[in-house]
Amino acid sequence: MNKIPESFYLDDDVVSLSRALLGKYLFTCFDGVVTGGRITETEAYRGPEDRACHAYNNLRTARTDVLFRRGGVCYVYLCYGIHHLLNVVTNHEGIPHAILIRAIEPLVGVSTMMKRRKKTKLDITLTSGPGSLAQALGIDRKLNGISLLSDTIWVEDRKETPSSEKILVGPRVGIDYAGEDAFLPWRFRLMA
């Protein structure tokens, strides 16, 4: 196991980090059962000046407090009262940057992921989309604030750096309320 060290998450360029997470491996472990796979899609959110970020204008509430912590912890929130979404907190304490993990290629514990998602056939929707991903990996609010260096959730670097030609860059999804910030090219996806 080659967990990414805390120093990786302390970089102040959340957009570059979002891209750098592509090709890394995200895992969870509950009751000795490991599930996870290769990260294939991310979105960057850059704190105070990004109108799409929950901590826009340094908004600090009970919900967003974890965004202001030192990088290397999880920010998990419930979207529309339905889906849990996993974000990786980055940068130094007091600077609310985060990366939404939107999709992984499922590789470990696939049968467990299918049970969690109530699927009988394996298809692309198993871990595609941030809500589906979180459900498949068993991620909920209990992981909010937990370290990505824990034995419950972590990211590994297996030295698989995708070439620029394999990365699609575009605007983030579902943030029309963010005005012109909705068009920032801060969404990164690995081509199949």
Protein backbone atom coordinates (compact mmCIF):
# COMPACT_ATOMS: atom_id res chain seq x y z
CA MET A 1 0.00 0.00 0.00
CA ASN A 2 1.44 3.35 -1.08
CA LYS A 3 -0.81 5.95 0.54
CA ILE A 4 -0.41 9.48 -0.74
CA PRO A 5 1.31 11.50 2.03
CA GLU A 6 -0.28 14.52 3.68
CA SER A 7 2.20 16.82 1.92
CA PHE A 8 0.48 16.08 -1.42
CA TYR A 9 -2.76 17.61 -0.15
CA LEU A 10 -1.07 20.78 1.16
CA ASP A 11 -0.31 22.17 -2.30
CA ASP A 12 -1.99 25.55 -2.81
CA ASP A 13 -3.00 24.87 -6.44
CA VAL A 14 -6.26 22.95 -6.12
CA VAL A 15 -6.78 22.90 -9.89
CA SER A 16 -3.45 21.15 -10.52
CA LEU A 17 -4.11 18.77 -7.63
CA SER A 18 -7.51 17.91 -9.07
CA ARG A 19 -5.84 16.92 -12.32
CA ALA A 20 -3.05 15.10 -10.44
CA LEU A 21 -5.58 12.86 -8.67
CA LEU A 22 -6.57 11.29 -11.99
CA GLY A 23 -5.04 7.81 -12.17
CA LYS A 24 -4.64 7.58 -8.38
CA TYR A 25 -6.57 4.89 -6.47
CA LEU A 26 -9.30 5.59 -3.91
CA PHE A 27 -10.21 2.94 -1.34
CA THR A 28 -12.50 2.43 1.64
CA CYS A 29 -12.42 -0.37 4.20
CA PHE A 30 -15.36 -1.26 6.43
CA ASP A 31 -15.43 -4.41 8.57
CA GLY A 32 -12.35 -5.70 6.76
CA VAL A 33 -13.93 -5.34 3.30
CA VAL A 34 -11.96 -3.14 0.89
CA THR A 35 -13.62 -1.45 -2.07
CA GLY A 36 -12.19 1.00 -4.56
CA GLY A 37 -10.62 1.76 -7.87
CA ARG A 38 -8.82 4.23 -10.10
CA ILE A 39 -9.96 7.86 -9.97
CA THR A 40 -11.26 8.88 -13.41
CA GLU A 41 -13.05 12.19 -12.82
CA THR A 42 -12.58 15.16 -10.48
CA GLU A 43 -13.63 18.78 -10.05
CA ALA A 44 -11.72 21.56 -8.28
CA TYR A 45 -13.31 24.11 -5.93
CA ARG A 46 -11.18 27.07 -4.87
CA GLY A 47 -12.44 28.50 -1.64
CA PRO A 48 -13.21 32.13 -1.04
CA GLU A 49 -13.23 33.42 -4.63
CA ASP A 50 -15.08 30.50 -6.29
CA ARG A 51 -18.85 31.08 -6.28
CA ALA A 52 -19.42 27.35 -6.80
CA CYS A 53 -17.61 26.46 -3.56
CA HIS A 54 -19.59 25.99 -0.34
CA ALA A 55 -17.02 28.25 1.36
CA TYR A 56 -17.39 31.10 -1.16
CA ASN A 57 -16.56 34.43 0.43
CA ASN A 58 -15.06 32.51 3.40
CA LEU A 59 -18.49 31.27 4.51
CA ARG A 60 -17.80 29.20 7.60
CA THR A 61 -20.71 27.22 9.01
CA ALA A 62 -21.09 23.91 10.85
CA ARG A 63 -21.36 22.28 7.40
CA THR A 64 -18.34 23.99 5.79
CA ASP A 65 -16.02 24.04 8.81
CA VAL A 66 -14.12 20.95 7.62
CA LEU A 67 -13.20 22.81 4.39
CA PHE A 68 -11.04 25.15 6.48
CA ARG A 69 -8.99 22.31 7.98
CA ARG A 70 -5.50 21.31 6.94
CA GLY A 71 -5.52 19.40 3.64
CA GLY A 72 -5.77 15.62 3.62
CA VAL A 73 -9.20 15.12 5.16
CA CYS A 74 -12.62 14.27 3.70
CA TYR A 75 -15.45 16.74 3.24
CA VAL A 76 -18.61 14.66 2.86
CA TYR A 77 -21.98 16.34 2.51
CA LEU A 78 -25.50 15.35 1.58
CA CYS A 79 -26.60 16.78 -1.76
CA TYR A 80 -30.33 17.48 -2.26
CA GLY A 81 -30.98 15.39 0.84
CA ILE A 82 -30.30 12.25 -1.20
CA HIS A 83 -26.68 11.67 -2.26
CA HIS A 84 -23.51 11.81 -0.20
CA LEU A 85 -20.61 13.42 -2.07
CA LEU A 86 -16.91 12.97 -1.29
CA ASN A 87 -14.48 15.86 -1.50
CA VAL A 88 -10.76 15.87 -0.73
CA VAL A 89 -9.80 18.94 1.32
CA THR A 90 -6.55 20.56 0.14
CA ASN A 91 -4.23 23.43 1.04
CA HIS A 92 -3.23 24.72 4.48
CA GLU A 93 -5.51 25.28 7.43
CA GLY A 94 -7.79 28.27 6.92
CA ILE A 95 -7.89 28.05 3.11
CA PRO A 96 -11.05 26.23 1.96
CA HIS A 97 -10.06 24.33 -1.17
CA ALA A 98 -11.54 20.95 -2.11
CA ILE A 99 -11.72 18.42 -4.92
CA LEU A 100 -14.94 16.57 -5.66
CA ILE A 101 -14.29 12.95 -6.64
CA ARG A 102 -16.85 12.35 -9.40
CA ALA A 103 -15.98 8.84 -10.64
CA ILE A 104 -13.68 5.84 -10.32
CA GLU A 105 -13.03 2.76 -12.39
CA PRO A 106 -14.23 -0.01 -10.00
CA LEU A 107 -11.47 -2.57 -9.45
CA VAL A 108 -11.54 -3.94 -5.89
CA GLY A 109 -14.59 -5.31 -4.06
CA VAL A 110 -16.85 -4.95 -7.08
CA SER A 111 -19.45 -7.42 -5.76
CA THR A 112 -19.72 -5.42 -2.52
CA MET A 113 -20.09 -2.20 -4.50
CA MET A 114 -22.85 -3.79 -6.57
CA LYS A 115 -24.72 -4.85 -3.41
CA ARG A 116 -24.47 -1.33 -1.97
CA ARG A 117 -25.85 0.06 -5.23
CA LYS A 118 -28.51 -2.69 -5.50
CA LYS A 119 -27.26 -3.68 -8.95
CA THR A 120 -27.43 -7.12 -10.49
CA LYS A 121 -25.38 -6.29 -13.60
CA LEU A 122 -22.08 -4.47 -13.74
CA ASP A 123 -22.25 -1.36 -15.90
CA ILE A 124 -20.68 2.10 -16.15
CA THR A 125 -23.16 3.61 -13.68
CA LEU A 126 -21.76 1.61 -10.74
CA THR A 127 -19.23 4.31 -9.76
CA SER A 128 -19.86 7.03 -12.33
CA GLY A 129 -21.22 10.20 -10.76
CA PRO A 130 -20.31 11.44 -7.29
CA GLY A 131 -23.46 10.12 -5.57
CA SER A 132 -23.12 6.66 -7.13
CA LEU A 133 -19.42 6.59 -6.26
CA ALA A 134 -20.04 7.43 -2.61
CA GLN A 135 -22.81 4.84 -2.30
CA ALA A 136 -20.68 2.13 -3.94
CA LEU A 137 -17.78 2.84 -1.58
CA GLY A 138 -19.98 3.08 1.52
CA ILE A 139 -19.18 6.76 2.03
CA ASP A 140 -21.53 8.87 4.14
CA ARG A 141 -21.35 11.78 6.62
CA LYS A 142 -19.63 9.55 9.19
CA LEU A 143 -16.46 10.05 7.12
CA ASN A 144 -16.71 13.85 7.17
CA GLY A 145 -13.43 15.18 8.58
CA ILE A 146 -11.65 11.81 8.63
CA SER A 147 -8.03 11.70 7.47
CA LEU A 148 -7.21 10.33 4.04
CA LEU A 149 -4.29 8.61 5.74
CA SER A 150 -6.63 6.46 7.84
CA ASP A 151 -7.32 2.77 7.44
CA THR A 152 -10.96 3.58 6.59
CA ILE A 153 -10.44 5.76 3.52
CA TRP A 154 -7.27 6.55 1.62
CA VAL A 155 -5.75 7.35 -1.78
CA GLU A 156 -2.82 5.41 -3.22
CA ASP A 157 -0.28 6.46 -5.82
CA ARG A 158 0.56 3.49 -8.01
CA LYS A 159 2.77 5.61 -10.29
CA GLU A 160 0.28 5.62 -13.16
CA THR A 161 0.36 9.16 -14.52
CA PRO A 162 -2.01 9.61 -17.46
CA SER A 163 -0.71 11.58 -20.44
CA SER A 164 -2.27 14.97 -21.22
CA GLU A 165 -3.83 13.51 -24.38
CA LYS A 166 -5.92 11.14 -22.21
CA ILE A 167 -7.38 13.93 -20.04
CA LEU A 168 -10.54 15.82 -20.99
CA VAL A 169 -10.85 19.29 -19.44
CA GLY A 170 -14.09 21.23 -19.20
CA PRO A 171 -16.51 23.14 -16.98
CA ARG A 172 -17.89 21.66 -13.78
CA VAL A 173 -21.34 20.09 -13.64
CA GLY A 174 -24.55 21.29 -11.96
CA ILE A 175 -23.39 24.68 -10.74
CA ASP A 176 -25.35 27.11 -12.91
CA TYR A 177 -25.92 29.27 -9.82
CA ALA A 178 -22.19 30.15 -9.82
CA GLY A 179 -22.45 32.66 -12.67
CA GLU A 180 -19.32 32.93 -14.77
CA ASP A 181 -17.47 30.64 -12.33
CA ALA A 182 -19.63 27.81 -13.70
CA PHE A 183 -17.62 28.01 -16.92
CA LEU A 184 -14.16 27.61 -15.35
CA PRO A 185 -12.38 24.57 -16.88
CA TRP A 186 -11.90 22.81 -13.55
CA ARG A 187 -13.40 19.41 -14.35
CA PHE A 188 -10.98 16.66 -15.35
CA ARG A 189 -11.86 13.26 -16.83
CA LEU A 190 -9.81 10.33 -18.04
CA MET A 191 -10.74 9.11 -21.50
CA ALA A 192 -11.68 5.44 -21.60
